Amino acid sequence: MTCGVGLRQVAPFRMKREPKWGNRHILQLNWVFDEYFVLPDVWESVFKPFGVGRRPVLDHRREKPLSTVVQLDIQGRAMSKIDFKDDDFEVCESCGYRKHHAHRRGMFPFVETDRKDHMVKTQEYFGSGGSAWQAILISAELYREIKRKKLKGVTFYPMAEA
């Protein structure tokens, strides 16, 4: 509870109203860095064919699903742990778990993934203080489809080779 590591989603996200998408197709909430939200037609045409599920997002007051947004349901987990070498990290005083500082530039360290999963979360957590999240990794095929469809709203970093 102190550091945020290991928290699991047990209910749908709630929003006050339909998001204002502007020219974006993908969005994140500014306090939840390992969950993504997309327009339903974007999920249908881009993410569903790659086996990425979806979850409803509820109107906070009416408790009914919003019509212009769904949450991507990322079930896959990376198979290997990341070799961070001399990376910066902090250790939670309560649970003893290590959180790495956010990756901001250059190649993301190599992580082995199952070839059938096109979108996975790392085993490791990132963040500081009470904030913790897992990095999201996508396959080259899904990346190319996102770029081909010219989707906006997310930044990508290449992964180093093994």
C-alpha atoms as a PDB file:
ATOM      1  CA  MET A   1       0.000   0.000   0.000  1.00  0.00           C
ATOM      2  CA  THR A   2       2.956   2.337   0.570  1.00  0.00           C
ATOM      3  CA  CYS A   3       4.730   1.973  -2.766  1.00  0.00           C
ATOM      4  CA  GLY A   4       1.981   0.853  -5.172  1.00  0.00           C
ATOM      5  CA  VAL A   5       3.747  -2.357  -6.247  1.00  0.00           C
ATOM      6  CA  GLY A   6       1.465  -5.327  -6.907  1.00  0.00           C
ATOM      7  CA  LEU A   7      -1.824  -3.448  -7.043  1.00  0.00           C
ATOM      8  CA  ARG A   8      -4.394  -5.188  -9.268  1.00  0.00           C
ATOM      9  CA  GLN A   9      -7.403  -3.766 -11.032  1.00  0.00           C
ATOM     10  CA  VAL A  10     -10.605  -5.265  -9.599  1.00  0.00           C
ATOM     11  CA  ALA A  11     -13.255  -3.042 -11.226  1.00  0.00           C
ATOM     12  CA  PRO A  12     -13.651  -0.991 -14.405  1.00  0.00           C
ATOM     13  CA  PHE A  13     -12.082   2.462 -14.566  1.00  0.00           C
ATOM     14  CA  ARG A  14     -14.529   5.324 -14.173  1.00  0.00           C
ATOM     15  CA  MET A  15     -14.433   8.705 -15.871  1.00  0.00           C
ATOM     16  CA  LYS A  16     -16.539  11.810 -15.239  1.00  0.00           C
ATOM     17  CA  ARG A  17     -17.480  12.036 -18.925  1.00  0.00           C
ATOM     18  CA  GLU A  18     -16.499  10.936 -22.388  1.00  0.00           C
ATOM     19  CA  PRO A  19     -12.841  11.884 -22.999  1.00  0.00           C
ATOM     20  CA  LYS A  20     -11.980  14.840 -25.210  1.00  0.00           C
ATOM     21  CA  TRP A  21      -9.852  13.026 -27.764  1.00  0.00           C
ATOM     22  CA  GLY A  22      -8.707  15.954 -29.895  1.00  0.00           C
ATOM     23  CA  ASN A  23      -6.369  14.412 -32.496  1.00  0.00           C
ATOM     24  CA  ARG A  24      -5.343  11.496 -30.237  1.00  0.00           C
ATOM     25  CA  HIS A  25      -6.401   7.871 -30.655  1.00  0.00           C
ATOM     26  CA  ILE A  26      -4.681   6.458 -27.544  1.00  0.00           C
ATOM     27  CA  LEU A  27      -4.573   7.968 -24.067  1.00  0.00           C
ATOM     28  CA  GLN A  28      -3.370   7.340 -20.523  1.00  0.00           C
ATOM     29  CA  LEU A  29      -4.629   8.736 -17.264  1.00  0.00           C
ATOM     30  CA  ASN A  30      -1.933  10.915 -15.755  1.00  0.00           C
ATOM     31  CA  TRP A  31      -1.711   8.801 -12.595  1.00  0.00           C
ATOM     32  CA  VAL A  32      -1.892   5.287 -14.147  1.00  0.00           C
ATOM     33  CA  PHE A  33       1.069   4.700 -16.440  1.00  0.00           C
ATOM     34  CA  ASP A  34       0.539   1.032 -17.319  1.00  0.00           C
ATOM     35  CA  GLU A  35      -2.978   1.174 -18.724  1.00  0.00           C
ATOM     36  CA  TYR A  36      -4.050   2.535 -22.096  1.00  0.00           C
ATOM     37  CA  PHE A  37      -7.421   3.690 -23.388  1.00  0.00           C
ATOM     38  CA  VAL A  38      -8.530   3.854 -27.019  1.00  0.00           C
ATOM     39  CA  LEU A  39     -11.539   4.641 -29.148  1.00  0.00           C
ATOM     40  CA  PRO A  40     -13.705   1.522 -29.637  1.00  0.00           C
ATOM     41  CA  ASP A  41     -13.171   1.519 -33.424  1.00  0.00           C
ATOM     42  CA  VAL A  42      -9.387   1.734 -32.893  1.00  0.00           C
ATOM     43  CA  TRP A  43      -9.550  -1.319 -30.612  1.00  0.00           C
ATOM     44  CA  GLU A  44     -11.663  -3.175 -33.191  1.00  0.00           C
ATOM     45  CA  SER A  45      -9.423  -2.404 -36.188  1.00  0.00           C
ATOM     46  CA  VAL A  46      -5.941  -2.369 -34.606  1.00  0.00           C
ATOM     47  CA  PHE A  47      -5.734  -4.148 -31.253  1.00  0.00           C
ATOM     48  CA  LYS A  48      -8.370  -6.884 -31.486  1.00  0.00           C
ATOM     49  CA  PRO A  49      -6.673  -8.599 -34.473  1.00  0.00           C
ATOM     50  CA  PHE A  50      -3.494  -8.832 -32.342  1.00  0.00           C
ATOM     51  CA  GLY A  51      -5.322 -10.558 -29.496  1.00  0.00           C
ATOM     52  CA  VAL A  52      -5.452  -7.564 -27.151  1.00  0.00           C
ATOM     53  CA  GLY A  53      -8.659  -7.595 -25.125  1.00  0.00           C
ATOM     54  CA  ARG A  54     -10.713  -4.685 -23.929  1.00  0.00           C
ATOM     55  CA  ARG A  55     -12.547  -3.607 -20.792  1.00  0.00           C
ATOM     56  CA  PRO A  56     -15.402  -1.144 -20.473  1.00  0.00           C
ATOM     57  CA  VAL A  57     -14.878   2.284 -18.922  1.00  0.00           C
ATOM     58  CA  LEU A  58     -17.821   3.469 -16.832  1.00  0.00           C
ATOM     59  CA  ASP A  59     -19.491   6.845 -16.491  1.00  0.00           C
ATOM     60  CA  HIS A  60     -18.748   7.677 -12.849  1.00  0.00           C
ATOM     61  CA  ARG A  61     -22.261   8.880 -11.969  1.00  0.00           C
ATOM     62  CA  ARG A  62     -24.509   6.660 -14.057  1.00  0.00           C
ATOM     63  CA  GLU A  63     -22.313   3.524 -13.806  1.00  0.00           C
ATOM     64  CA  LYS A  64     -22.964   2.761 -17.474  1.00  0.00           C
ATOM     65  CA  PRO A  65     -20.234   2.115 -20.065  1.00  0.00           C
ATOM     66  CA  LEU A  66     -18.979   5.176 -21.922  1.00  0.00           C
ATOM     67  CA  SER A  67     -19.406   4.947 -25.678  1.00  0.00           C
ATOM     68  CA  THR A  68     -16.205   6.611 -26.934  1.00  0.00           C
ATOM     69  CA  VAL A  69     -13.555   4.842 -24.848  1.00  0.00           C
ATOM     70  CA  VAL A  70     -12.434   1.335 -23.879  1.00  0.00           C
ATOM     71  CA  GLN A  71      -9.461   0.176 -21.826  1.00  0.00           C
ATOM     72  CA  LEU A  72      -6.934  -2.143 -23.429  1.00  0.00           C
ATOM     73  CA  ASP A  73      -6.842  -5.392 -21.428  1.00  0.00           C
ATOM     74  CA  ILE A  74      -3.141  -6.323 -21.378  1.00  0.00           C
ATOM     75  CA  GLN A  75      -2.940  -9.889 -20.053  1.00  0.00           C
ATOM     76  CA  GLY A  76       0.506 -10.929 -21.288  1.00  0.00           C
ATOM     77  CA  ARG A  77       3.612 -10.818 -19.073  1.00  0.00           C
ATOM     78  CA  ALA A  78       7.231 -10.673 -20.190  1.00  0.00           C
ATOM     79  CA  MET A  79       8.988 -14.028 -19.869  1.00  0.00           C
ATOM     80  CA  SER A  80      12.400 -12.769 -18.738  1.00  0.00           C
ATOM     81  CA  LYS A  81      13.568 -10.297 -16.180  1.00  0.00           C
ATOM     82  CA  ILE A  82      15.350  -7.147 -17.275  1.00  0.00           C
ATOM     83  CA  ASP A  83      19.115  -6.882 -16.773  1.00  0.00           C
ATOM     84  CA  PHE A  84      19.394  -3.257 -15.689  1.00  0.00           C
ATOM     85  CA  LYS A  85      23.152  -3.310 -15.072  1.00  0.00           C
ATOM     86  CA  ASP A  86      23.791  -0.130 -13.011  1.00  0.00           C
ATOM     87  CA  ASP A  87      20.309   1.375 -13.355  1.00  0.00           C
ATOM     88  CA  ASP A  88      18.940   3.723 -10.713  1.00  0.00           C
ATOM     89  CA  PHE A  89      16.302   2.263  -8.422  1.00  0.00           C
ATOM     90  CA  GLU A  90      14.759   2.661  -4.999  1.00  0.00           C
ATOM     91  CA  VAL A  91      13.684   0.062  -2.486  1.00  0.00           C
ATOM     92  CA  CYS A  92      10.366   0.309  -0.628  1.00  0.00           C
ATOM     93  CA  GLU A  93      10.921   0.392   3.136  1.00  0.00           C
ATOM     94  CA  SER A  94       7.645  -1.496   3.726  1.00  0.00           C
ATOM     95  CA  CYS A  95       7.809  -4.400   1.267  1.00  0.00           C
ATOM     96  CA  GLY A  96      11.461  -4.368   0.174  1.00  0.00           C
ATOM     97  CA  TYR A  97      10.516  -4.414  -3.531  1.00  0.00           C
ATOM     98  CA  ARG A  98      12.793  -2.630  -6.009  1.00  0.00           C
ATOM     99  CA  LYS A  99      11.338   0.052  -8.300  1.00  0.00           C
ATOM    100  CA  HIS A 100      13.425   1.283 -11.196  1.00  0.00           C
ATOM    101  CA  HIS A 101      13.381   4.867 -12.322  1.00  0.00           C
ATOM    102  CA  ALA A 102      11.416   5.519 -15.500  1.00  0.00           C
ATOM    103  CA  HIS A 103      13.143   4.845 -18.819  1.00  0.00           C
ATOM    104  CA  ARG A 104      13.305   8.141 -20.706  1.00  0.00           C
ATOM    105  CA  ARG A 105      15.766   7.837 -23.611  1.00  0.00           C
ATOM    106  CA  GLY A 106      17.765   5.415 -25.666  1.00  0.00           C
ATOM    107  CA  MET A 107      17.099   1.722 -26.078  1.00  0.00           C
ATOM    108  CA  PHE A 108      14.907  -0.044 -23.555  1.00  0.00           C
ATOM    109  CA  PRO A 109      16.795  -3.043 -22.093  1.00  0.00           C
ATOM    110  CA  PHE A 110      16.130  -6.402 -23.792  1.00  0.00           C
ATOM    111  CA  VAL A 111      13.220  -8.440 -22.440  1.00  0.00           C
ATOM    112  CA  GLU A 112      12.250 -11.878 -23.719  1.00  0.00           C
ATOM    113  CA  THR A 113       8.564 -12.181 -24.580  1.00  0.00           C
ATOM    114  CA  ASP A 114       6.348 -14.951 -25.895  1.00  0.00           C
ATOM    115  CA  ARG A 115       6.000 -14.481 -29.661  1.00  0.00           C
ATOM    116  CA  LYS A 116       2.240 -15.037 -29.488  1.00  0.00           C
ATOM    117  CA  ASP A 117       1.733 -12.008 -27.213  1.00  0.00           C
ATOM    118  CA  HIS A 118       1.762  -8.697 -29.054  1.00  0.00           C
ATOM    119  CA  MET A 119       1.332  -6.544 -25.935  1.00  0.00           C
ATOM    120  CA  VAL A 120       2.787  -7.440 -22.515  1.00  0.00           C
ATOM    121  CA  LYS A 121       3.763  -5.916 -19.188  1.00  0.00           C
ATOM    122  CA  THR A 122       7.215  -6.303 -17.677  1.00  0.00           C
ATOM    123  CA  GLN A 123       7.745  -8.303 -14.505  1.00  0.00           C
ATOM    124  CA  GLU A 124       9.565  -5.287 -13.024  1.00  0.00           C
ATOM    125  CA  TYR A 125       8.016  -2.137 -11.645  1.00  0.00           C
ATOM    126  CA  PHE A 126       9.039   1.444 -12.351  1.00  0.00           C
ATOM    127  CA  GLY A 127       8.318   4.642 -10.438  1.00  0.00           C
ATOM    128  CA  SER A 128       9.126   6.393  -7.190  1.00  0.00           C
ATOM    129  CA  GLY A 129       7.400   7.129  -3.908  1.00  0.00           C
ATOM    130  CA  GLY A 130       3.797   5.889  -3.968  1.00  0.00           C
ATOM    131  CA  SER A 131       3.738   5.503  -7.768  1.00  0.00           C
ATOM    132  CA  ALA A 132       4.468   2.143  -9.396  1.00  0.00           C
ATOM    133  CA  TRP A 133       3.830   0.800 -12.884  1.00  0.00           C
ATOM    134  CA  GLN A 134       5.005  -1.904 -15.244  1.00  0.00           C
ATOM    135  CA  ALA A 135       6.415  -0.986 -18.648  1.00  0.00           C
ATOM    136  CA  ILE A 136       4.283  -1.973 -21.645  1.00  0.00           C
ATOM    137  CA  LEU A 137       6.052  -3.777 -24.510  1.00  0.00           C
ATOM    138  CA  ILE A 138       4.551  -4.331 -27.948  1.00  0.00           C
ATOM    139  CA  SER A 139       5.590  -6.494 -30.880  1.00  0.00           C
ATOM    140  CA  ALA A 140       7.168  -5.049 -34.002  1.00  0.00           C
ATOM    141  CA  GLU A 141       4.066  -6.128 -35.944  1.00  0.00           C
ATOM    142  CA  LEU A 142       1.704  -4.194 -33.655  1.00  0.00           C
ATOM    143  CA  TYR A 143       4.035  -1.185 -33.731  1.00  0.00           C
ATOM    144  CA  ARG A 144       3.985  -1.188 -37.550  1.00  0.00           C
ATOM    145  CA  GLU A 145       0.174  -1.371 -37.576  1.00  0.00           C
ATOM    146  CA  ILE A 146      -0.104   1.563 -35.142  1.00  0.00           C
ATOM    147  CA  LYS A 147       2.257   3.574 -37.348  1.00  0.00           C
ATOM    148  CA  ARG A 148       0.469   2.492 -40.549  1.00  0.00           C
ATOM    149  CA  LYS A 149      -2.860   3.706 -39.116  1.00  0.00           C
ATOM    150  CA  LYS A 150      -1.119   6.939 -37.952  1.00  0.00           C
ATOM    151  CA  LEU A 151      -2.433   6.619 -34.400  1.00  0.00           C
ATOM    152  CA  LYS A 152      -1.421   9.414 -32.042  1.00  0.00           C
ATOM    153  CA  GLY A 153      -1.152   9.651 -28.289  1.00  0.00           C
ATOM    154  CA  VAL A 154       1.711   7.337 -27.320  1.00  0.00           C
ATOM    155  CA  THR A 155       5.524   7.433 -27.443  1.00  0.00           C
ATOM    156  CA  PHE A 156       7.642   4.400 -28.346  1.00  0.00           C
ATOM    157  CA  TYR A 157      11.206   3.422 -27.415  1.00  0.00           C
ATOM    158  CA  PRO A 158      13.027   0.668 -29.298  1.00  0.00           C
ATOM    159  CA  MET A 159      14.174  -2.391 -27.348  1.00  0.00           C
ATOM    160  CA  ALA A 160      17.804  -3.449 -27.383  1.00  0.00           C
ATOM    161  CA  GLU A 161      18.628  -6.820 -28.934  1.00  0.00           C
ATOM    162  CA  ALA A 162      19.653  -9.807 -26.828  1.00  0.00           C
END
